[in-house]
Amino acid sequence: MQVSAHKDAVDLFERYTKGGDNADLKNWAGKTLPVLKHHLEMASQQKKRAPTAGESKK
Protein backbone atom coordinates (compact mmCIF):
# COMPACT_ATOMS: atom_id res chain seq x y z
CA MET A 1 0.00 0.00 0.00
CA GLN A 2 2.90 2.38 0.67
CA VAL A 3 4.19 2.05 -2.90
CA SER A 4 0.76 2.80 -4.32
CA ALA A 5 0.25 5.80 -2.04
CA HIS A 6 3.67 7.22 -2.93
CA LYS A 7 3.00 6.75 -6.65
CA ASP A 8 -0.25 8.68 -6.25
CA ALA A 9 1.50 11.47 -4.33
CA VAL A 10 4.29 11.75 -6.91
CA ASP A 11 1.72 11.92 -9.71
CA LEU A 12 -0.31 14.59 -7.91
CA PHE A 13 2.74 16.73 -7.15
CA GLU A 14 4.08 16.40 -10.70
CA ARG A 15 0.74 17.47 -12.16
CA TYR A 16 0.46 20.44 -9.82
CA THR A 17 4.05 21.51 -10.47
CA LYS A 18 3.27 21.63 -14.19
CA GLY A 19 -0.23 23.06 -14.12
CA GLY A 20 -1.16 24.41 -10.71
CA ASP A 21 -2.73 27.84 -10.36
CA ASN A 22 -1.01 28.97 -7.15
CA ALA A 23 2.62 30.00 -7.69
CA ASP A 24 3.67 29.49 -4.07
CA LEU A 25 2.09 26.05 -3.94
CA LYS A 26 3.65 25.10 -7.30
CA ASN A 27 7.05 26.12 -5.95
CA TRP A 28 6.56 24.10 -2.77
CA ALA A 29 5.35 21.07 -4.74
CA GLY A 30 8.44 21.30 -6.96
CA LYS A 31 10.73 21.42 -3.95
CA THR A 32 8.91 18.52 -2.26
CA LEU A 33 8.75 16.27 -5.32
CA PRO A 34 12.35 14.93 -5.06
CA VAL A 35 11.68 13.84 -1.46
CA LEU A 36 8.51 12.01 -2.49
CA LYS A 37 10.35 10.30 -5.34
CA HIS A 38 13.05 9.18 -2.92
CA HIS A 39 10.43 7.81 -0.53
CA LEU A 40 8.80 5.95 -3.43
CA GLU A 41 12.14 4.42 -4.33
CA MET A 42 12.73 3.32 -0.72
CA ALA A 43 9.22 1.85 -0.44
CA SER A 44 9.72 -0.04 -3.71
CA GLN A 45 13.02 -1.48 -2.51
CA GLN A 46 11.47 -2.48 0.81
CA LYS A 47 8.63 -4.24 -1.02
CA LYS A 48 11.16 -6.26 -3.04
CA ARG A 49 12.89 -7.38 0.16
CA ALA A 50 9.71 -8.26 2.05
CA PRO A 51 8.89 -11.94 2.36
CA THR A 52 5.99 -13.16 0.25
CA ALA A 53 2.85 -14.68 1.74
CA GLY A 54 3.60 -18.01 3.34
CA GLU A 55 7.33 -17.31 3.52
CA SER A 56 8.76 -17.16 7.02
CA LYS A 57 10.79 -14.24 8.28
CA LYS A 58 14.24 -15.28 9.42
PDB file of N, CA and C in Angstrom:
ATOM      1  N   MET A   1       0.816  -1.187   0.000  1.00  0.00           N
ATOM      2  CA  MET A   1       0.000   0.000   0.000  1.00  0.00           C
ATOM      3  C   MET A   1       0.864   1.257   0.000  1.00  0.00           C
ATOM      4  N   GLN A   2       2.027   1.203   0.632  1.00  0.00           N
ATOM      5  CA  GLN A   2       2.904   2.379   0.666  1.00  0.00           C
ATOM      6  C   GLN A   2       3.384   2.762  -0.730  1.00  0.00           C
ATOM      7  N   VAL A   3       3.710   1.769  -1.541  1.00  0.00           N
ATOM      8  CA  VAL A   3       4.187   2.048  -2.896  1.00  0.00           C
ATOM      9  C   VAL A   3       3.077   2.733  -3.687  1.00  0.00           C
ATOM     10  N   SER A   4       1.887   2.223  -3.605  1.00  0.00           N
ATOM     11  CA  SER A   4       0.758   2.801  -4.319  1.00  0.00           C
ATOM     12  C   SER A   4       0.484   4.233  -3.866  1.00  0.00           C
ATOM     13  N   ALA A   5       0.511   4.466  -2.569  1.00  0.00           N
ATOM     14  CA  ALA A   5       0.251   5.804  -2.035  1.00  0.00           C
ATOM     15  C   ALA A   5       1.332   6.788  -2.479  1.00  0.00           C
ATOM     16  N   HIS A   6       2.582   6.339  -2.495  1.00  0.00           N
ATOM     17  CA  HIS A   6       3.668   7.224  -2.931  1.00  0.00           C
ATOM     18  C   HIS A   6       3.581   7.509  -4.432  1.00  0.00           C
ATOM     19  N   LYS A   7       3.190   6.518  -5.213  1.00  0.00           N
ATOM     20  CA  LYS A   7       3.004   6.755  -6.653  1.00  0.00           C
ATOM     21  C   LYS A   7       1.927   7.805  -6.877  1.00  0.00           C
ATOM     22  N   ASP A   8       0.831   7.700  -6.132  1.00  0.00           N
ATOM     23  CA  ASP A   8      -0.250   8.676  -6.247  1.00  0.00           C
ATOM     24  C   ASP A   8       0.234  10.074  -5.861  1.00  0.00           C
ATOM     25  N   ALA A   9       0.997  10.165  -4.785  1.00  0.00           N
ATOM     26  CA  ALA A   9       1.504  11.465  -4.327  1.00  0.00           C
ATOM     27  C   ALA A   9       2.458  12.070  -5.353  1.00  0.00           C
ATOM     28  N   VAL A  10       3.354  11.266  -5.895  1.00  0.00           N
ATOM     29  CA  VAL A  10       4.287  11.754  -6.911  1.00  0.00           C
ATOM     30  C   VAL A  10       3.517  12.260  -8.120  1.00  0.00           C
ATOM     31  N   ASP A  11       2.530  11.510  -8.561  1.00  0.00           N
ATOM     32  CA  ASP A  11       1.720  11.919  -9.706  1.00  0.00           C
ATOM     33  C   ASP A  11       1.010  13.246  -9.436  1.00  0.00           C
ATOM     34  N   LEU A  12       0.404  13.368  -8.281  1.00  0.00           N
ATOM     35  CA  LEU A  12      -0.307  14.589  -7.907  1.00  0.00           C
ATOM     36  C   LEU A  12       0.636  15.794  -7.884  1.00  0.00           C
ATOM     37  N   PHE A  13       1.788  15.632  -7.253  1.00  0.00           N
ATOM     38  CA  PHE A  13       2.742  16.734  -7.150  1.00  0.00           C
ATOM     39  C   PHE A  13       3.317  17.100  -8.512  1.00  0.00           C
ATOM     40  N   GLU A  14       3.576  16.101  -9.358  1.00  0.00           N
ATOM     41  CA  GLU A  14       4.076  16.396 -10.704  1.00  0.00           C
ATOM     42  C   GLU A  14       3.044  17.187 -11.502  1.00  0.00           C
ATOM     43  N   ARG A  15       1.794  16.768 -11.426  1.00  0.00           N
ATOM     44  CA  ARG A  15       0.740  17.471 -12.160  1.00  0.00           C
ATOM     45  C   ARG A  15       0.575  18.902 -11.655  1.00  0.00           C
ATOM     46  N   TYR A  16       0.637  19.095 -10.346  1.00  0.00           N
ATOM     47  CA  TYR A  16       0.460  20.443  -9.818  1.00  0.00           C
ATOM     48  C   TYR A  16       1.665  21.320 -10.152  1.00  0.00           C
ATOM     49  N   THR A  17       2.855  20.750 -10.122  1.00  0.00           N
ATOM     50  CA  THR A  17       4.052  21.507 -10.470  1.00  0.00           C
ATOM     51  C   THR A  17       3.958  22.035 -11.900  1.00  0.00           C
ATOM     52  N   LYS A  18       3.375  21.246 -12.781  1.00  0.00           N
ATOM     53  CA  LYS A  18       3.268  21.634 -14.194  1.00  0.00           C
ATOM     54  C   LYS A  18       2.066  22.529 -14.473  1.00  0.00           C
ATOM     55  N   GLY A  19       0.981  22.357 -13.743  1.00  0.00           N
ATOM     56  CA  GLY A  19      -0.233  23.061 -14.125  1.00  0.00           C
ATOM     57  C   GLY A  19      -1.018  23.708 -13.003  1.00  0.00           C
ATOM     58  N   GLY A  20      -0.432  23.807 -11.830  1.00  0.00           N
ATOM     59  CA  GLY A  20      -1.159  24.409 -10.712  1.00  0.00           C
ATOM     60  C   GLY A  20      -1.382  25.899 -10.908  1.00  0.00           C
ATOM     61  N   ASP A  21      -2.378  26.431 -10.198  1.00  0.00           N
ATOM     62  CA  ASP A  21      -2.727  27.836 -10.364  1.00  0.00           C
ATOM     63  C   ASP A  21      -2.207  28.747  -9.243  1.00  0.00           C
ATOM     64  N   ASN A  22      -1.559  28.186  -8.256  1.00  0.00           N
ATOM     65  CA  ASN A  22      -1.011  28.974  -7.152  1.00  0.00           C
ATOM     66  C   ASN A  22       0.514  28.888  -7.215  1.00  0.00           C
ATOM     67  N   ALA A  23       1.173  29.995  -7.486  1.00  0.00           N
ATOM     68  CA  ALA A  23       2.622  30.005  -7.694  1.00  0.00           C
ATOM     69  C   ALA A  23       3.394  29.518  -6.472  1.00  0.00           C
ATOM     70  N   ASP A  24       2.977  29.929  -5.288  1.00  0.00           N
ATOM     71  CA  ASP A  24       3.671  29.486  -4.067  1.00  0.00           C
ATOM     72  C   ASP A  24       3.528  27.988  -3.862  1.00  0.00           C
ATOM     73  N   LEU A  25       2.340  27.488  -4.100  1.00  0.00           N
ATOM     74  CA  LEU A  25       2.092  26.052  -3.942  1.00  0.00           C
ATOM     75  C   LEU A  25       2.835  25.244  -5.010  1.00  0.00           C
ATOM     76  N   LYS A  26       2.882  25.766  -6.236  1.00  0.00           N
ATOM     77  CA  LYS A  26       3.646  25.098  -7.302  1.00  0.00           C
ATOM     78  C   LYS A  26       5.119  25.019  -6.919  1.00  0.00           C
ATOM     79  N   ASN A  27       5.660  26.091  -6.375  1.00  0.00           N
ATOM     80  CA  ASN A  27       7.054  26.123  -5.948  1.00  0.00           C
ATOM     81  C   ASN A  27       7.306  25.097  -4.844  1.00  0.00           C
ATOM     82  N   TRP A  28       6.411  25.056  -3.862  1.00  0.00           N
ATOM     83  CA  TRP A  28       6.555  24.098  -2.767  1.00  0.00           C
ATOM     84  C   TRP A  28       6.453  22.661  -3.286  1.00  0.00           C
ATOM     85  N   ALA A  29       5.505  22.414  -4.175  1.00  0.00           N
ATOM     86  CA  ALA A  29       5.349  21.072  -4.745  1.00  0.00           C
ATOM     87  C   ALA A  29       6.613  20.666  -5.496  1.00  0.00           C
ATOM     88  N   GLY A  30       7.201  21.591  -6.234  1.00  0.00           N
ATOM     89  CA  GLY A  30       8.436  21.301  -6.963  1.00  0.00           C
ATOM     90  C   GLY A  30       9.598  20.983  -6.041  1.00  0.00           C
ATOM     91  N   LYS A  31       9.663  21.674  -4.917  1.00  0.00           N
ATOM     92  CA  LYS A  31      10.735  21.416  -3.946  1.00  0.00           C
ATOM     93  C   LYS A  31      10.510  20.109  -3.186  1.00  0.00           C
ATOM     94  N   THR A  32       9.257  19.733  -3.019  1.00  0.00           N
ATOM     95  CA  THR A  32       8.913  18.523  -2.262  1.00  0.00           C
ATOM     96  C   THR A  32       8.976  17.268  -3.117  1.00  0.00           C
ATOM     97  N   LEU A  33       8.807  17.411  -4.410  1.00  0.00           N
ATOM     98  CA  LEU A  33       8.754  16.267  -5.322  1.00  0.00           C
ATOM     99  C   LEU A  33       9.972  15.344  -5.228  1.00  0.00           C
ATOM    100  N   PRO A  34      11.209  15.845  -5.168  1.00  0.00           N
ATOM    101  CA  PRO A  34      12.352  14.926  -5.058  1.00  0.00           C
ATOM    102  C   PRO A  34      12.307  14.059  -3.794  1.00  0.00           C
ATOM    103  N   VAL A  35      11.796  14.613  -2.708  1.00  0.00           N
ATOM    104  CA  VAL A  35      11.681  13.841  -1.462  1.00  0.00           C
ATOM    105  C   VAL A  35      10.664  12.722  -1.639  1.00  0.00           C
ATOM    106  N   LEU A  36       9.532  13.038  -2.250  1.00  0.00           N
ATOM    107  CA  LEU A  36       8.510  12.012  -2.492  1.00  0.00           C
ATOM    108  C   LEU A  36       9.031  10.909  -3.407  1.00  0.00           C
ATOM    109  N   LYS A  37       9.782  11.294  -4.434  1.00  0.00           N
ATOM    110  CA  LYS A  37      10.353  10.296  -5.343  1.00  0.00           C
ATOM    111  C   LYS A  37      11.342   9.396  -4.605  1.00  0.00           C
ATOM    112  N   HIS A  38      12.108   9.981  -3.705  1.00  0.00           N
ATOM    113  CA  HIS A  38      13.048   9.182  -2.924  1.00  0.00           C
ATOM    114  C   HIS A  38      12.299   8.214  -2.011  1.00  0.00           C
ATOM    115  N   HIS A  39      11.237   8.687  -1.387  1.00  0.00           N
ATOM    116  CA  HIS A  39      10.427   7.811  -0.529  1.00  0.00           C
ATOM    117  C   HIS A  39       9.800   6.680  -1.339  1.00  0.00           C
ATOM    118  N   LEU A  40       9.347   6.988  -2.560  1.00  0.00           N
ATOM    119  CA  LEU A  40       8.798   5.954  -3.433  1.00  0.00           C
ATOM    120  C   LEU A  40       9.858   4.906  -3.747  1.00  0.00           C
ATOM    121  N   GLU A  41      11.058   5.352  -4.034  1.00  0.00           N
ATOM    122  CA  GLU A  41      12.143   4.422  -4.325  1.00  0.00           C
ATOM    123  C   GLU A  41      12.430   3.524  -3.123  1.00  0.00           C
ATOM    124  N   MET A  42      12.478   4.115  -1.936  1.00  0.00           N
ATOM    125  CA  MET A  42      12.734   3.321  -0.725  1.00  0.00           C
ATOM    126  C   MET A  42      11.600   2.327  -0.466  1.00  0.00           C
ATOM    127  N   ALA A  43      10.356   2.755  -0.651  1.00  0.00           N
ATOM    128  CA  ALA A  43       9.220   1.850  -0.437  1.00  0.00           C
ATOM    129  C   ALA A  43       9.248   0.706  -1.448  1.00  0.00           C
ATOM    130  N   SER A  44       9.622   1.001  -2.683  1.00  0.00           N
ATOM    131  CA  SER A  44       9.715  -0.038  -3.711  1.00  0.00           C
ATOM    132  C   SER A  44      10.796  -1.051  -3.376  1.00  0.00           C
ATOM    133  N   GLN A  45      11.930  -0.571  -2.888  1.00  0.00           N
ATOM    134  CA  GLN A  45      13.017  -1.475  -2.508  1.00  0.00           C
ATOM    135  C   GLN A  45      12.610  -2.330  -1.324  1.00  0.00           C
ATOM    136  N   GLN A  46      11.918  -1.738  -0.372  1.00  0.00           N
ATOM    137  CA  GLN A  46      11.472  -2.484   0.805  1.00  0.00           C
ATOM    138  C   GLN A  46      10.491  -3.568   0.389  1.00  0.00           C
ATOM    139  N   LYS A  47       9.610  -3.254  -0.549  1.00  0.00           N
ATOM    140  CA  LYS A  47       8.633  -4.235  -1.019  1.00  0.00           C
ATOM    141  C   LYS A  47       9.337  -5.431  -1.653  1.00  0.00           C
ATOM    142  N   LYS A  48      10.415  -5.171  -2.395  1.00  0.00           N
ATOM    143  CA  LYS A  48      11.162  -6.256  -3.040  1.00  0.00           C
ATOM    144  C   LYS A  48      11.821  -7.169  -2.012  1.00  0.00           C
ATOM    145  N   ARG A  49      12.202  -6.596  -0.867  1.00  0.00           N
ATOM    146  CA  ARG A  49      12.892  -7.383   0.163  1.00  0.00           C
ATOM    147  C   ARG A  49      11.929  -8.082   1.115  1.00  0.00           C
ATOM    148  N   ALA A  50      10.680  -7.684   1.116  1.00  0.00           N
ATOM    149  CA  ALA A  50       9.707  -8.255   2.050  1.00  0.00           C
ATOM    150  C   ALA A  50       9.403  -9.698   1.673  1.00  0.00           C
ATOM    151  N   PRO A  51       9.242 -10.548   2.668  1.00  0.00           N
ATOM    152  CA  PRO A  51       8.893 -11.944   2.361  1.00  0.00           C
ATOM    153  C   PRO A  51       7.497 -12.021   1.755  1.00  0.00           C
ATOM    154  N   THR A  52       7.310 -12.963   0.863  1.00  0.00           N
ATOM    155  CA  THR A  52       5.991 -13.165   0.250  1.00  0.00           C
ATOM    156  C   THR A  52       5.089 -13.929   1.194  1.00  0.00           C
ATOM    157  N   ALA A  53       3.813 -13.970   0.896  1.00  0.00           N
ATOM    158  CA  ALA A  53       2.847 -14.684   1.742  1.00  0.00           C
ATOM    159  C   ALA A  53       3.259 -16.140   1.877  1.00  0.00           C
ATOM    160  N   GLY A  54       3.243 -16.625   3.082  1.00  0.00           N
ATOM    161  CA  GLY A  54       3.598 -18.010   3.344  1.00  0.00           C
ATOM    162  C   GLY A  54       5.091 -18.225   3.584  1.00  0.00           C
ATOM    163  N   GLU A  55       5.885 -17.207   3.304  1.00  0.00           N
ATOM    164  CA  GLU A  55       7.333 -17.306   3.518  1.00  0.00           C
ATOM    165  C   GLU A  55       7.631 -16.832   4.928  1.00  0.00           C
ATOM    166  N   SER A  56       8.453 -17.549   5.647  1.00  0.00           N
ATOM    167  CA  SER A  56       8.756 -17.162   7.020  1.00  0.00           C
ATOM    168  C   SER A  56       9.837 -16.110   7.061  1.00  0.00           C
ATOM    169  N   LYS A  57       9.737 -15.244   8.073  1.00  0.00           N
ATOM    170  CA  LYS A  57      10.785 -14.237   8.283  1.00  0.00           C
ATOM    171  C   LYS A  57      11.884 -14.892   9.094  1.00  0.00           C
ATOM    172  N   LYS A  58      13.112 -14.671   8.699  1.00  0.00           N
ATOM    173  CA  LYS A  58      14.244 -15.275   9.419  1.00  0.00           C
ATOM    174  C   LYS A  58      15.047 -14.222  10.101  1.00  0.00           C
TER     175      LYS A  58
END
